[in-house]
Amino acid sequence: MHFLPGQVYLLPGLDTGAIATVCHVDDDPFGAVVHVRIDGVSFPDPEGLGDPSEGIQLMPFTEEALAVSVGPMIAEHVELNDWEAAYDAWRNAYEEGEATVWSLPVYDAVQVMQSMMA
């Protein structure tokens, strides 16, 4: 499966209407890293200061993990907004060994994130 920025996919197994929007694709020596925005999934507010979030701005996945996770593509060439700062923060942390790339399917990675934020 070949992912391109601006593609939007359904995420089966998550909340109804959950989608992944491809924001950026890195060509890594170990394989492509696909950065997606997840929408339509509730994430608790870890500080308990406000309402739960309905998504996560950017999650990096191996191409293989994303390929087994997505349902049909429902849109392409969508306009992408405000992902660069999150990508830059991830990239800096990754280069310092403080961030990783998810190799789990999206459903499992989201479950991990939700439990970490609870």
PDB file of N, CA and C in Angstrom:
ATOM      1  N   MET A   1       0.864  -1.174   0.000  1.00  0.00           N
ATOM      2  CA  MET A   1       0.000   0.000   0.000  1.00  0.00           C
ATOM      3  C   MET A   1       0.904   1.229   0.000  1.00  0.00           C
ATOM      4  N   HIS A   2       0.559   2.195  -0.799  1.00  0.00           N
ATOM      5  CA  HIS A   2       1.373   3.407  -0.915  1.00  0.00           C
ATOM      6  C   HIS A   2       0.589   4.583  -0.337  1.00  0.00           C
ATOM      7  N   PHE A   3       1.116   5.170   0.729  1.00  0.00           N
ATOM      8  CA  PHE A   3       0.442   6.277   1.399  1.00  0.00           C
ATOM      9  C   PHE A   3       1.015   7.603   0.929  1.00  0.00           C
ATOM     10  N   LEU A   4       0.125   8.580   0.762  1.00  0.00           N
ATOM     11  CA  LEU A   4       0.510   9.924   0.342  1.00  0.00           C
ATOM     12  C   LEU A   4      -0.169  10.958   1.231  1.00  0.00           C
ATOM     13  N   PRO A   5       0.506  12.081   1.497  1.00  0.00           N
ATOM     14  CA  PRO A   5      -0.129  13.141   2.280  1.00  0.00           C
ATOM     15  C   PRO A   5      -1.459  13.574   1.662  1.00  0.00           C
ATOM     16  N   GLY A   6      -2.428  13.800   2.541  1.00  0.00           N
ATOM     17  CA  GLY A   6      -3.747  14.235   2.105  1.00  0.00           C
ATOM     18  C   GLY A   6      -4.749  13.111   1.950  1.00  0.00           C
ATOM     19  N   GLN A   7      -4.305  11.860   2.047  1.00  0.00           N
ATOM     20  CA  GLN A   7      -5.238  10.738   1.985  1.00  0.00           C
ATOM     21  C   GLN A   7      -5.918  10.571   3.343  1.00  0.00           C
ATOM     22  N   VAL A   8      -7.199  10.177   3.316  1.00  0.00           N
ATOM     23  CA  VAL A   8      -7.969   9.956   4.536  1.00  0.00           C
ATOM     24  C   VAL A   8      -8.556   8.547   4.476  1.00  0.00           C
ATOM     25  N   TYR A   9      -8.357   7.791   5.552  1.00  0.00           N
ATOM     26  CA  TYR A   9      -8.810   6.404   5.625  1.00  0.00           C
ATOM     27  C   TYR A   9      -9.709   6.197   6.831  1.00  0.00           C
ATOM     28  N   LEU A  10     -10.709   5.322   6.678  1.00  0.00           N
ATOM     29  CA  LEU A  10     -11.487   4.871   7.822  1.00  0.00           C
ATOM     30  C   LEU A  10     -10.613   3.965   8.680  1.00  0.00           C
ATOM     31  N   LEU A  11     -10.871   3.975   9.983  1.00  0.00           N
ATOM     32  CA  LEU A  11     -10.146   3.121  10.927  1.00  0.00           C
ATOM     33  C   LEU A  11     -11.122   2.132  11.558  1.00  0.00           C
ATOM     34  N   PRO A  12     -11.277   0.959  10.955  1.00  0.00           N
ATOM     35  CA  PRO A  12     -12.208  -0.018  11.522  1.00  0.00           C
ATOM     36  C   PRO A  12     -11.745  -0.488  12.900  1.00  0.00           C
ATOM     37  N   GLY A  13     -12.715  -0.830  13.740  1.00  0.00           N
ATOM     38  CA  GLY A  13     -12.404  -1.328  15.071  1.00  0.00           C
ATOM     39  C   GLY A  13     -12.347  -0.241  16.122  1.00  0.00           C
ATOM     40  N   LEU A  14     -12.239   1.005  15.710  1.00  0.00           N
ATOM     41  CA  LEU A  14     -12.242   2.124  16.654  1.00  0.00           C
ATOM     42  C   LEU A  14     -13.638   2.723  16.684  1.00  0.00           C
ATOM     43  N   ASP A  15     -13.777   3.858  17.349  1.00  0.00           N
ATOM     44  CA  ASP A  15     -15.073   4.520  17.427  1.00  0.00           C
ATOM     45  C   ASP A  15     -15.642   4.736  16.028  1.00  0.00           C
ATOM     46  N   THR A  16     -16.960   4.701  15.922  1.00  0.00           N
ATOM     47  CA  THR A  16     -17.614   4.948  14.648  1.00  0.00           C
ATOM     48  C   THR A  16     -17.169   6.290  14.093  1.00  0.00           C
ATOM     49  N   GLY A  17     -16.746   6.290  12.860  1.00  0.00           N
ATOM     50  CA  GLY A  17     -16.313   7.524  12.224  1.00  0.00           C
ATOM     51  C   GLY A  17     -14.854   7.859  12.447  1.00  0.00           C
ATOM     52  N   ALA A  18     -14.104   6.986  13.107  1.00  0.00           N
ATOM     53  CA  ALA A  18     -12.678   7.251  13.327  1.00  0.00           C
ATOM     54  C   ALA A  18     -11.946   7.226  11.987  1.00  0.00           C
ATOM     55  N   ILE A  19     -11.072   8.217  11.800  1.00  0.00           N
ATOM     56  CA  ILE A  19     -10.327   8.324  10.548  1.00  0.00           C
ATOM     57  C   ILE A  19      -8.857   8.631  10.822  1.00  0.00           C
ATOM     58  N   ALA A  20      -8.042   8.287   9.844  1.00  0.00           N
ATOM     59  CA  ALA A  20      -6.621   8.641   9.858  1.00  0.00           C
ATOM     60  C   ALA A  20      -6.348   9.466   8.616  1.00  0.00           C
ATOM     61  N   THR A  21      -5.729  10.623   8.797  1.00  0.00           N
ATOM     62  CA  THR A  21      -5.333  11.484   7.690  1.00  0.00           C
ATOM     63  C   THR A  21      -3.815  11.458   7.593  1.00  0.00           C
ATOM     64  N   VAL A  22      -3.305  11.094   6.426  1.00  0.00           N
ATOM     65  CA  VAL A  22      -1.859  11.052   6.219  1.00  0.00           C
ATOM     66  C   VAL A  22      -1.350  12.484   6.109  1.00  0.00           C
ATOM     67  N   CYS A  23      -0.419  12.845   7.007  1.00  0.00           N
ATOM     68  CA  CYS A  23       0.149  14.194   7.018  1.00  0.00           C
ATOM     69  C   CYS A  23       1.506  14.253   6.333  1.00  0.00           C
ATOM     70  N   HIS A  24       2.314  13.216   6.528  1.00  0.00           N
ATOM     71  CA  HIS A  24       3.692  13.247   6.018  1.00  0.00           C
ATOM     72  C   HIS A  24       4.203  11.819   5.931  1.00  0.00           C
ATOM     73  N   VAL A  25       5.068  11.558   4.958  1.00  0.00           N
ATOM     74  CA  VAL A  25       5.709  10.253   4.831  1.00  0.00           C
ATOM     75  C   VAL A  25       7.213  10.470   4.787  1.00  0.00           C
ATOM     76  N   ASP A  26       7.920   9.830   5.728  1.00  0.00           N
ATOM     77  CA  ASP A  26       9.383   9.865   5.761  1.00  0.00           C
ATOM     78  C   ASP A  26       9.917   8.606   5.099  1.00  0.00           C
ATOM     79  N   ASP A  27      10.911   8.756   4.248  1.00  0.00           N
ATOM     80  CA  ASP A  27      11.622   7.599   3.724  1.00  0.00           C
ATOM     81  C   ASP A  27      12.772   7.312   4.666  1.00  0.00           C
ATOM     82  N   ASP A  28      12.593   6.301   5.505  1.00  0.00           N
ATOM     83  CA  ASP A  28      13.588   5.910   6.491  1.00  0.00           C
ATOM     84  C   ASP A  28      14.374   4.723   5.938  1.00  0.00           C
ATOM     85  N   PRO A  29      15.647   4.594   6.273  1.00  0.00           N
ATOM     86  CA  PRO A  29      16.415   3.442   5.786  1.00  0.00           C
ATOM     87  C   PRO A  29      15.791   2.096   6.161  1.00  0.00           C
ATOM     88  N   PHE A  30      15.008   2.071   7.230  1.00  0.00           N
ATOM     89  CA  PHE A  30      14.386   0.827   7.675  1.00  0.00           C
ATOM     90  C   PHE A  30      12.965   0.666   7.141  1.00  0.00           C
ATOM     91  N   GLY A  31      12.487   1.580   6.335  1.00  0.00           N
ATOM     92  CA  GLY A  31      11.133   1.531   5.790  1.00  0.00           C
ATOM     93  C   GLY A  31      10.427   2.855   5.993  1.00  0.00           C
ATOM     94  N   ALA A  32       9.369   3.054   5.242  1.00  0.00           N
ATOM     95  CA  ALA A  32       8.633   4.317   5.309  1.00  0.00           C
ATOM     96  C   ALA A  32       7.984   4.496   6.679  1.00  0.00           C
ATOM     97  N   VAL A  33       8.008   5.735   7.159  1.00  0.00           N
ATOM     98  CA  VAL A  33       7.308   6.127   8.382  1.00  0.00           C
ATOM     99  C   VAL A  33       6.186   7.058   7.951  1.00  0.00           C
ATOM    100  N   VAL A  34       4.955   6.661   8.272  1.00  0.00           N
ATOM    101  CA  VAL A  34       3.779   7.414   7.851  1.00  0.00           C
ATOM    102  C   VAL A  34       3.203   8.124   9.070  1.00  0.00           C
ATOM    103  N   HIS A  35       3.159   9.442   9.005  1.00  0.00           N
ATOM    104  CA  HIS A  35       2.658  10.268  10.106  1.00  0.00           C
ATOM    105  C   HIS A  35       1.197  10.596   9.819  1.00  0.00           C
ATOM    106  N   VAL A  36       0.320  10.211  10.749  1.00  0.00           N
ATOM    107  CA  VAL A  36      -1.113  10.422  10.552  1.00  0.00           C
ATOM    108  C   VAL A  36      -1.715  11.204  11.708  1.00  0.00           C
ATOM    109  N   ARG A  37      -2.761  11.951  11.382  1.00  0.00           N
ATOM    110  CA  ARG A  37      -3.609  12.581  12.396  1.00  0.00           C
ATOM    111  C   ARG A  37      -4.795  11.639  12.602  1.00  0.00           C
ATOM    112  N   ILE A  38      -5.132  11.378  13.855  1.00  0.00           N
ATOM    113  CA  ILE A  38      -6.250  10.502  14.190  1.00  0.00           C
ATOM    114  C   ILE A  38      -7.395  11.384  14.677  1.00  0.00           C
ATOM    115  N   ASP A  39      -8.555  11.249  14.053  1.00  0.00           N
ATOM    116  CA  ASP A  39      -9.745  12.003  14.457  1.00  0.00           C
ATOM    117  C   ASP A  39     -10.884  11.037  14.745  1.00  0.00           C
ATOM    118  N   GLY A  40     -11.783  11.473  15.628  1.00  0.00           N
ATOM    119  CA  GLY A  40     -12.972  10.692  15.926  1.00  0.00           C
ATOM    120  C   GLY A  40     -12.764   9.625  16.985  1.00  0.00           C
ATOM    121  N   VAL A  41     -11.687   9.742  17.754  1.00  0.00           N
ATOM    122  CA  VAL A  41     -11.398   8.807  18.842  1.00  0.00           C
ATOM    123  C   VAL A  41     -11.194   9.633  20.106  1.00  0.00           C
ATOM    124  N   SER A  42     -11.858   9.265  21.188  1.00  0.00           N
ATOM    125  CA  SER A  42     -11.748  10.026  22.437  1.00  0.00           C
ATOM    126  C   SER A  42     -10.466   9.674  23.181  1.00  0.00           C
ATOM    127  N   PHE A  43      -9.752  10.717  23.572  1.00  0.00           N
ATOM    128  CA  PHE A  43      -8.572  10.589  24.418  1.00  0.00           C
ATOM    129  C   PHE A  43      -8.830  11.406  25.671  1.00  0.00           C
ATOM    130  N   PRO A  44      -8.652  10.813  26.866  1.00  0.00           N
ATOM    131  CA  PRO A  44      -8.885  11.572  28.093  1.00  0.00           C
ATOM    132  C   PRO A  44      -7.918  12.741  28.227  1.00  0.00           C
ATOM    133  N   ASP A  45      -8.359  13.761  28.934  1.00  0.00           N
ATOM    134  CA  ASP A  45      -7.484  14.889  29.261  1.00  0.00           C
ATOM    135  C   ASP A  45      -6.611  14.452  30.432  1.00  0.00           C
ATOM    136  N   PRO A  46      -5.297  14.255  30.209  1.00  0.00           N
ATOM    137  CA  PRO A  46      -4.453  13.713  31.279  1.00  0.00           C
ATOM    138  C   PRO A  46      -4.366  14.604  32.515  1.00  0.00           C
ATOM    139  N   GLU A  47      -4.539  15.903  32.365  1.00  0.00           N
ATOM    140  CA  GLU A  47      -4.489  16.800  33.520  1.00  0.00           C
ATOM    141  C   GLU A  47      -5.854  16.950  34.185  1.00  0.00           C
ATOM    142  N   GLY A  48      -6.899  16.451  33.537  1.00  0.00           N
ATOM    143  CA  GLY A  48      -8.233  16.576  34.087  1.00  0.00           C
ATOM    144  C   GLY A  48      -8.748  17.995  34.105  1.00  0.00           C
ATOM    145  N   LEU A  49      -8.227  18.839  33.224  1.00  0.00           N
ATOM    146  CA  LEU A  49      -8.585  20.258  33.237  1.00  0.00           C
ATOM    147  C   LEU A  49      -9.696  20.618  32.261  1.00  0.00           C
ATOM    148  N   GLY A  50     -10.005  19.716  31.354  1.00  0.00           N
ATOM    149  CA  GLY A  50     -10.996  20.067  30.351  1.00  0.00           C
ATOM    150  C   GLY A  50     -11.660  18.837  29.777  1.00  0.00           C
ATOM    151  N   ASP A  51     -12.275  19.042  28.653  1.00  0.00           N
ATOM    152  CA  ASP A  51     -12.968  17.956  27.978  1.00  0.00           C
ATOM    153  C   ASP A  51     -11.965  17.017  27.322  1.00  0.00           C
ATOM    154  N   PRO A  52     -12.372  15.767  27.127  1.00  0.00           N
ATOM    155  CA  PRO A  52     -11.492  14.852  26.416  1.00  0.00           C
ATOM    156  C   PRO A  52     -11.269  15.322  24.982  1.00  0.00           C
ATOM    157  N   SER A  53     -10.139  14.965  24.447  1.00  0.00           N
ATOM    158  CA  SER A  53      -9.810  15.289  23.062  1.00  0.00           C
ATOM    159  C   SER A  53     -10.492  14.278  22.150  1.00  0.00           C
ATOM    160  N   GLU A  54     -10.825  14.694  20.957  1.00  0.00           N
ATOM    161  CA  GLU A  54     -11.441  13.794  19.985  1.00  0.00           C
ATOM    162  C   GLU A  54     -10.445  13.347  18.925  1.00  0.00           C
ATOM    163  N   GLY A  55      -9.176  13.362  19.263  1.00  0.00           N
ATOM    164  CA  GLY A  55      -8.173  12.898  18.312  1.00  0.00           C
ATOM    165  C   GLY A  55      -6.778  13.162  18.820  1.00  0.00           C
ATOM    166  N   ILE A  56      -5.831  12.837  17.985  1.00  0.00           N
ATOM    167  CA  ILE A  56      -4.438  13.100  18.306  1.00  0.00           C
ATOM    168  C   ILE A  56      -3.784  13.678  17.064  1.00  0.00           C
ATOM    169  N   GLN A  57      -3.008  14.734  17.270  1.00  0.00           N
ATOM    170  CA  GLN A  57      -2.504  15.539  16.161  1.00  0.00           C
ATOM    171  C   GLN A  57      -1.581  14.776  15.225  1.00  0.00           C
ATOM    172  N   LEU A  58      -0.718  13.933  15.767  1.00  0.00           N
ATOM    173  CA  LEU A  58       0.238  13.245  14.900  1.00  0.00           C
ATOM    174  C   LEU A  58       0.738  11.984  15.586  1.00  0.00           C
ATOM    175  N   MET A  59       0.647  10.863  14.875  1.00  0.00           N
ATOM    176  CA  MET A  59       1.218   9.597  15.340  1.00  0.00           C
ATOM    177  C   MET A  59       2.005   8.988  14.189  1.00  0.00           C
ATOM    178  N   PRO A  60       3.268   8.621  14.415  1.00  0.00           N
ATOM    179  CA  PRO A  60       4.068   8.001  13.363  1.00  0.00           C
ATOM    180  C   PRO A  60       3.943   6.475  13.407  1.00  0.00           C
ATOM    181  N   PHE A  61       3.650   5.873  12.264  1.00  0.00           N
ATOM    182  CA  PHE A  61       3.508   4.422  12.151  1.00  0.00           C
ATOM    183  C   PHE A  61       4.412   3.889  11.054  1.00  0.00           C
ATOM    184  N   THR A  62       4.822   2.621  11.220  1.00  0.00           N
ATOM    185  CA  THR A  62       5.468   1.967  10.087  1.00  0.00           C
ATOM    186  C   THR A  62       4.410   1.807   9.003  1.00  0.00           C
ATOM    187  N   GLU A  63       4.864   1.772   7.776  1.00  0.00           N
ATOM    188  CA  GLU A  63       3.932   1.598   6.663  1.00  0.00           C
ATOM    189  C   GLU A  63       3.160   0.288   6.806  1.00  0.00           C
ATOM    190  N   GLU A  64       3.837  -0.755   7.273  1.00  0.00           N
ATOM    191  CA  GLU A  64       3.197  -2.058   7.441  1.00  0.00           C
ATOM    192  C   GLU A  64       2.094  -2.007   8.493  1.00  0.00           C
ATOM    193  N   ALA A  65       2.361  -1.349   9.626  1.00  0.00           N
ATOM    194  CA  ALA A  65       1.360  -1.255  10.689  1.00  0.00           C
ATOM    195  C   ALA A  65       0.135  -0.484  10.212  1.00  0.00           C
ATOM    196  N   LEU A  66       0.356   0.581   9.469  1.00  0.00           N
ATOM    197  CA  LEU A  66      -0.774   1.362   8.971  1.00  0.00           C
ATOM    198  C   LEU A  66      -1.549   0.582   7.915  1.00  0.00           C
ATOM    199  N   ALA A  67      -0.843  -0.139   7.061  1.00  0.00           N
ATOM    200  CA  ALA A  67      -1.499  -0.883   5.984  1.00  0.00           C
ATOM    201  C   ALA A  67      -2.476  -1.929   6.518  1.00  0.00           C
ATOM    202  N   VAL A  68      -2.142  -2.584   7.637  1.00  0.00           N
ATOM    203  CA  VAL A  68      -3.049  -3.595   8.188  1.00  0.00           C
ATOM    204  C   VAL A  68      -4.155  -2.966   9.031  1.00  0.00           C
ATOM    205  N   SER A  69      -4.102  -1.665   9.240  1.00  0.00           N
ATOM    206  CA  SER A  69      -5.024  -0.980  10.141  1.00  0.00           C
ATOM    207  C   SER A  69      -6.153  -0.244   9.449  1.00  0.00           C
ATOM    208  N   VAL A  70      -5.910   0.224   8.254  1.00  0.00           N
ATOM    209  CA  VAL A  70      -6.874   1.119   7.625  1.00  0.00           C
ATOM    210  C   VAL A  70      -7.917   0.359   6.823  1.00  0.00           C
ATOM    211  N   GLY A  71      -9.098   0.975   6.761  1.00  0.00           N
ATOM    212  CA  GLY A  71     -10.145   0.508   5.882  1.00  0.00           C
ATOM    213  C   GLY A  71     -10.033   1.258   4.566  1.00  0.00           C
ATOM    214  N   PRO A  72     -11.151   1.469   3.909  1.00  0.00           N
ATOM    215  CA  PRO A  72     -11.111   2.144   2.616  1.00  0.00           C
ATOM    216  C   PRO A  72     -10.689   3.609   2.722  1.00  0.00           C
ATOM    217  N   MET A  73     -10.034   4.080   1.657  1.00  0.00           N
ATOM    218  CA  MET A  73      -9.718   5.504   1.560  1.00  0.00           C
ATOM    219  C   MET A  73     -11.024   6.221   1.236  1.00  0.00           C
ATOM    220  N   ILE A  74     -11.314   7.283   1.993  1.00  0.00           N
ATOM    221  CA  ILE A  74     -12.572   8.003   1.790  1.00  0.00           C
ATOM    222  C   ILE A  74     -12.365   9.386   1.193  1.00  0.00           C
ATOM    223  N   ALA A  75     -11.121   9.840   1.150  1.00  0.00           N
ATOM    224  CA  ALA A  75     -10.817  11.146   0.546  1.00  0.00           C
ATOM    225  C   ALA A  75      -9.332  11.183   0.227  1.00  0.00           C
ATOM    226  N   GLU A  76      -8.984  12.057  -0.693  1.00  0.00           N
ATOM    227  CA  GLU A  76      -7.572  12.308  -0.970  1.00  0.00           C
ATOM    228  C   GLU A  76      -7.413  13.767  -1.346  1.00  0.00           C
ATOM    229  N   HIS A  77      -6.203  14.237  -1.263  1.00  0.00           N
ATOM    230  CA  HIS A  77      -5.880  15.633  -1.559  1.00  0.00           C
ATOM    231  C   HIS A  77      -6.556  16.605  -0.592  1.00  0.00           C
ATOM    232  N   VAL A  78      -6.806  16.168   0.656  1.00  0.00           N
ATOM    233  CA  VAL A  78      -7.386  17.097   1.626  1.00  0.00           C
ATOM    234  C   VAL A  78      -6.310  18.069   2.086  1.00  0.00           C
ATOM    235  N   GLU A  79      -6.739  19.261   2.438  1.00  0.00           N
ATOM    236  CA  GLU A  79      -5.810  20.281   2.926  1.00  0.00           C
ATOM    237  C   GLU A  79      -5.355  19.909   4.333  1.00  0.00           C
ATOM    238  N   LEU A  80      -4.065  19.989   4.554  1.00  0.00           N
ATOM    239  CA  LEU A  80      -3.483  19.633   5.849  1.00  0.00           C
ATOM    240  C   LEU A  80      -3.125  20.898   6.609  1.00  0.00           C
ATOM    241  N   ASN A  81      -3.500  20.938   7.871  1.00  0.00           N
ATOM    242  CA  ASN A  81      -3.248  22.117   8.698  1.00  0.00           C
ATOM    243  C   ASN A  81      -2.522  21.739   9.981  1.00  0.00           C
ATOM    244  N   ASP A  82      -1.591  22.565  10.380  1.00  0.00           N
ATOM    245  CA  ASP A  82      -1.006  22.546  11.721  1.00  0.00           C
ATOM    246  C   ASP A  82      -0.399  21.216  12.152  1.00  0.00           C
ATOM    247  N   TRP A  83       0.247  20.504  11.270  1.00  0.00           N
ATOM    248  CA  TRP A  83       0.911  19.271  11.678  1.00  0.00           C
ATOM    249  C   TRP A  83       2.426  19.443  11.796  1.00  0.00           C
ATOM    250  N   GLU A  84       2.972  20.490  11.184  1.00  0.00           N
ATOM    251  CA  GLU A  84       4.427  20.639  11.109  1.00  0.00           C
ATOM    252  C   GLU A  84       5.094  20.770  12.475  1.00  0.00           C
ATOM    253  N   ALA A  85       4.513  21.524  13.391  1.00  0.00           N
ATOM    254  CA  ALA A  85       5.125  21.702  14.715  1.00  0.00           C
ATOM    255  C   ALA A  85       5.177  20.373  15.464  1.00  0.00           C
ATOM    256  N   ALA A  86       4.104  19.595  15.381  1.00  0.00           N
ATOM    257  CA  ALA A  86       4.095  18.281  16.031  1.00  0.00           C
ATOM    258  C   ALA A  86       5.125  17.363  15.386  1.00  0.00           C
ATOM    259  N   TYR A  87       5.254  17.439  14.073  1.00  0.00           N
ATOM    260  CA  TYR A  87       6.254  16.622  13.374  1.00  0.00           C
ATOM    261  C   TYR A  87       7.664  17.031  13.793  1.00  0.00           C
ATOM    262  N   ASP A  88       7.934  18.329  13.826  1.00  0.00           N
ATOM    263  CA  ASP A  88       9.268  18.801  14.219  1.00  0.00           C
ATOM    264  C   ASP A  88       9.619  18.357  15.637  1.00  0.00           C
ATOM    265  N   ALA A  89       8.656  18.435  16.551  1.00  0.00           N
ATOM    266  CA  ALA A  89       8.894  18.003  17.932  1.00  0.00           C
ATOM    267  C   ALA A  89       9.189  16.505  17.972  1.00  0.00           C
ATOM    268  N   TRP A  90       8.402  15.716  17.222  1.00  0.00           N
ATOM    269  CA  TRP A  90       8.651  14.278  17.175  1.00  0.00           C
ATOM    270  C   TRP A  90      10.020  13.996  16.568  1.00  0.00           C
ATOM    271  N   ARG A  91      10.353  14.648  15.463  1.00  0.00           N
ATOM    272  CA  ARG A  91      11.618  14.389  14.765  1.00  0.00           C
ATOM    273  C   ARG A  91      12.815  14.676  15.673  1.00  0.00           C
ATOM    274  N   ASN A  92      12.774  15.805  16.379  1.00  0.00           N
ATOM    275  CA  ASN A  92      13.861  16.143  17.302  1.00  0.00           C
ATOM    276  C   ASN A  92      13.988  15.088  18.401  1.00  0.00           C
ATOM    277  N   ALA A  93      12.865  14.680  18.977  1.00  0.00           N
ATOM    278  CA  ALA A  93      12.889  13.659  20.027  1.00  0.00           C
ATOM    279  C   ALA A  93      13.361  12.315  19.466  1.00  0.00           C
ATOM    280  N   TYR A  94      12.945  11.981  18.261  1.00  0.00           N
ATOM    281  CA  TYR A  94      13.348  10.723  17.620  1.00  0.00           C
ATOM    282  C   TYR A  94      14.855  10.690  17.397  1.00  0.00           C
ATOM    283  N   GLU A  95      15.396  11.791  16.916  1.00  0.00           N
ATOM    284  CA  GLU A  95      16.836  11.861  16.661  1.00  0.00           C
ATOM    285  C   GLU A  95      17.647  11.773  17.950  1.00  0.00           C
ATOM    286  N   GLU A  96      17.044  12.150  19.078  1.00  0.00           N
ATOM    287  CA  GLU A  96      17.710  12.057  20.376  1.00  0.00           C
ATOM    288  C   GLU A  96      17.399  10.740  21.089  1.00  0.00           C
ATOM    289  N   GLY A  97      16.681   9.850  20.416  1.00  0.00           N
ATOM    290  CA  GLY A  97      16.348   8.558  21.008  1.00  0.00           C
ATOM    291  C   GLY A  97      15.237   8.605  22.035  1.00  0.00           C
ATOM    292  N   GLU A  98      14.438   9.674  22.013  1.00  0.00           N
ATOM    293  CA  GLU A  98      13.380   9.856  23.008  1.00  0.00           C
ATOM    294  C   GLU A  98      11.978   9.669  22.436  1.00  0.00           C
ATOM    295  N   ALA A  99      11.883   9.264  21.193  1.00  0.00           N
ATOM    296  CA  ALA A  99      10.586   9.003  20.565  1.00  0.00           C
ATOM    297  C   ALA A  99      10.760   7.808  19.644  1.00  0.00           C
ATOM    298  N   THR A 100       9.658   7.221  19.275  1.00  0.00           N
ATOM    299  CA  THR A 100       9.716   6.022  18.453  1.00  0.00           C
ATOM    300  C   THR A 100       8.684   6.086  17.345  1.00  0.00           C
ATOM    301  N   VAL A 101       8.617   5.022  16.583  1.00  0.00           N
ATOM    302  CA  VAL A 101       7.626   4.843  15.529  1.00  0.00           C
ATOM    303  C   VAL A 101       6.760   3.661  15.953  1.00  0.00           C
ATOM    304  N   TRP A 102       5.456   3.815  15.870  1.00  0.00           N
ATOM    305  CA  TRP A 102       4.547   2.732  16.238  1.00  0.00           C
ATOM    306  C   TRP A 102       4.615   1.634  15.186  1.00  0.00           C
ATOM    307  N   SER A 103       4.844   0.403  15.646  1.00  0.00           N
ATOM    308  CA  SER A 103       4.803  -0.749  14.747  1.00  0.00           C
ATOM    309  C   SER A 103       3.581  -1.615  15.036  1.00  0.00           C
ATOM    310  N   LEU A 104       2.806  -1.209  16.041  1.00  0.00           N
ATOM    311  CA  LEU A 104       1.542  -1.871  16.348  1.00  0.00           C
ATOM    312  C   LEU A 104       0.476  -1.391  15.373  1.00  0.00           C
ATOM    313  N   PRO A 105      -0.559  -2.187  15.131  1.00  0.00           N
ATOM    314  CA  PRO A 105      -1.699  -1.669  14.375  1.00  0.00           C
ATOM    315  C   PRO A 105      -2.290  -0.442  15.084  1.00  0.00           C
ATOM    316  N   VAL A 106      -2.930   0.419  14.330  1.00  0.00           N
ATOM    317  CA  VAL A 106      -3.470   1.670  14.878  1.00  0.00           C
ATOM    318  C   VAL A 106      -4.404   1.400  16.054  1.00  0.00           C
ATOM    319  N   TYR A 107      -5.278   0.413  15.932  1.00  0.00           N
ATOM    320  CA  TYR A 107      -6.215   0.104  17.018  1.00  0.00           C
ATOM    321  C   TYR A 107      -5.459  -0.126  18.323  1.00  0.00           C
ATOM    322  N   ASP A 108      -4.413  -0.952  18.284  1.00  0.00           N
ATOM    323  CA  ASP A 108      -3.644  -1.255  19.493  1.00  0.00           C
ATOM    324  C   ASP A 108      -2.889  -0.028  20.002  1.00  0.00           C
ATOM    325  N   ALA A 109      -2.298   0.736  19.103  1.00  0.00           N
ATOM    326  CA  ALA A 109      -1.558   1.939  19.501  1.00  0.00           C
ATOM    327  C   ALA A 109      -2.490   2.947  20.167  1.00  0.00           C
ATOM    328  N   VAL A 110      -3.690   3.101  19.630  1.00  0.00           N
ATOM    329  CA  VAL A 110      -4.665   4.022  20.225  1.00  0.00           C
ATOM    330  C   VAL A 110      -5.054   3.539  21.617  1.00  0.00           C
ATOM    331  N   GLN A 111      -5.252   2.230  21.784  1.00  0.00           N
ATOM    332  CA  GLN A 111      -5.581   1.688  23.105  1.00  0.00           C
ATOM    333  C   GLN A 111      -4.464   1.991  24.108  1.00  0.00           C
ATOM    334  N   VAL A 112      -3.213   1.840  23.690  1.00  0.00           N
ATOM    335  CA  VAL A 112      -2.076   2.152  24.558  1.00  0.00           C
ATOM    336  C   VAL A 112      -2.093   3.632  24.932  1.00  0.00           C
ATOM    337  N   MET A 113      -2.282   4.502  23.931  1.00  0.00           N
ATOM    338  CA  MET A 113      -2.305   5.946  24.194  1.00  0.00           C
ATOM    339  C   MET A 113      -3.444   6.312  25.149  1.00  0.00           C
ATOM    340  N   GLN A 114      -4.620   5.734  24.926  1.00  0.00           N
ATOM    341  CA  GLN A 114      -5.754   6.036  25.800  1.00  0.00           C
ATOM    342  C   GLN A 114      -5.475   5.601  27.235  1.00  0.00           C
ATOM    343  N   SER A 115      -4.861   4.442  27.418  1.00  0.00           N
ATOM    344  CA  SER A 115      -4.576   3.981  28.780  1.00  0.00           C
ATOM    345  C   SER A 115      -3.488   4.830  29.434  1.00  0.00           C
ATOM    346  N   MET A 116      -2.523   5.312  28.656  1.00  0.00           N
ATOM    347  CA  MET A 116      -1.474   6.172  29.200  1.00  0.00           C
ATOM    348  C   MET A 116      -2.025   7.527  29.629  1.00  0.00           C
ATOM    349  N   MET A 117      -3.083   7.985  28.963  1.00  0.00           N
ATOM    350  CA  MET A 117      -3.633   9.310  29.237  1.00  0.00           C
ATOM    351  C   MET A 117      -4.742   9.276  30.284  1.00  0.00           C
ATOM    352  N   ALA A 118      -5.160   8.083  30.667  1.00  0.00           N
ATOM    353  CA  ALA A 118      -6.274   7.957  31.628  1.00  0.00           C
ATOM    354  C   ALA A 118      -5.830   8.315  33.033  1.00  0.00           C
TER     355      ALA A 118
END
